[in-house]
């Protein structure tokens, strides 16, 4: 099966670069989020990150630390994918 997912490279807590597949992008309450999984399949769980745009047209991916915000993103993800697969 061919993988057509967008790929991004992020640094982990040790500064090592890791490649991730973008599963989906979500727009929730005027904020943008991205759900990614490691490209190497080393972890089964998806990672949710908030997209923060800057004034220069760039963006940063931010770890969601607020539990309520994280739960909102998880609920939206599960709603979208509940018909396709179990998450």
Protein backbone atom coordinates (compact mmCIF):
# COMPACT_ATOMS: atom_id res chain seq x y z
CA UNK A 1 0.00 0.00 0.00
CA UNK A 2 1.42 3.38 -0.99
CA UNK A 3 1.73 6.02 1.74
CA UNK A 4 0.58 9.45 0.53
CA UNK A 5 0.80 11.14 3.94
CA UNK A 6 2.61 14.44 4.35
CA UNK A 7 5.81 14.03 6.34
CA UNK A 8 7.41 16.41 8.82
CA UNK A 9 10.63 16.26 10.83
CA UNK A 10 10.60 17.14 14.53
CA UNK A 11 13.30 17.09 17.19
CA UNK A 12 12.67 14.96 20.25
CA UNK A 13 13.63 15.88 23.84
CA UNK A 14 17.19 14.65 23.16
CA UNK A 15 17.57 16.85 20.07
CA UNK A 16 17.37 13.87 17.70
CA UNK A 17 15.44 14.44 14.47
CA UNK A 18 12.52 12.08 13.85
CA UNK A 19 10.22 11.84 10.85
CA UNK A 20 6.46 11.88 11.39
CA UNK A 21 3.47 11.25 9.14
CA UNK A 22 0.70 13.84 9.31
CA UNK A 23 -2.52 11.91 9.91
CA UNK A 24 -4.83 14.91 9.77
CA UNK A 25 -5.16 18.62 10.45
CA UNK A 26 -8.00 19.94 12.60
CA UNK A 27 -9.57 23.39 13.00
CA UNK A 28 -11.15 23.68 16.45
CA UNK A 29 -12.39 26.86 18.13
CA UNK A 30 -10.28 29.16 15.89
CA UNK A 31 -7.12 27.11 16.53
CA UNK A 32 -5.33 24.70 14.21
CA UNK A 33 -3.96 21.33 15.25
CA UNK A 34 -2.07 18.52 13.57
CA UNK A 35 -2.14 14.83 14.48
CA UNK A 36 1.09 12.97 13.69
CA UNK A 37 2.49 9.47 14.11
CA UNK A 38 6.14 8.37 13.85
CA UNK A 39 6.97 7.31 10.29
CA UNK A 40 8.97 4.34 11.53
CA UNK A 41 5.95 2.87 13.32
CA UNK A 42 7.83 2.78 16.63
CA UNK A 43 4.87 4.13 18.60
CA UNK A 44 1.24 3.23 18.17
CA UNK A 45 -0.23 6.39 19.72
CA UNK A 46 -0.84 9.53 17.72
CA UNK A 47 0.59 12.86 18.90
CA UNK A 48 -1.52 16.02 18.87
CA UNK A 49 0.23 19.38 18.37
CA UNK A 50 -1.14 22.94 18.13
CA UNK A 51 -0.09 24.99 15.08
CA UNK A 52 0.89 28.56 15.96
CA UNK A 53 1.39 30.88 12.99
CA UNK A 54 3.83 33.77 13.20
CA UNK A 55 3.73 37.19 11.55
CA UNK A 56 6.31 36.12 8.93
CA UNK A 57 4.10 33.40 7.46
CA UNK A 58 5.88 30.59 9.28
CA UNK A 59 4.56 28.35 12.00
CA UNK A 60 5.56 26.38 15.09
CA UNK A 61 4.17 23.09 16.35
CA UNK A 62 3.47 23.31 20.08
CA UNK A 63 2.91 20.47 22.54
CA UNK A 64 -0.57 20.73 24.08
CA UNK A 65 -0.03 20.93 27.83
CA UNK A 66 -3.54 21.96 28.91
CA UNK A 67 -5.54 18.80 29.68
CA UNK A 68 -8.88 20.34 28.69
CA UNK A 69 -7.53 21.55 25.33
CA UNK A 70 -5.91 18.15 24.74
CA UNK A 71 -9.19 16.35 25.48
CA UNK A 72 -11.08 18.61 23.03
CA UNK A 73 -8.58 17.72 20.29
CA UNK A 74 -8.74 13.99 21.14
CA UNK A 75 -12.54 14.05 21.06
CA UNK A 76 -12.55 15.77 17.65
CA UNK A 77 -10.02 13.27 16.28
CA UNK A 78 -11.99 10.30 17.62
CA UNK A 79 -15.23 11.68 16.16
CA UNK A 80 -13.67 12.00 12.72
CA UNK A 81 -12.04 8.58 12.71
CA UNK A 82 -14.58 6.56 14.71
CA UNK A 83 -16.33 5.48 11.51
CA UNK A 84 -13.06 4.41 9.87
CA UNK A 85 -11.11 2.70 12.62
CA UNK A 86 -10.71 2.27 16.34
CA UNK A 87 -8.21 4.74 17.91
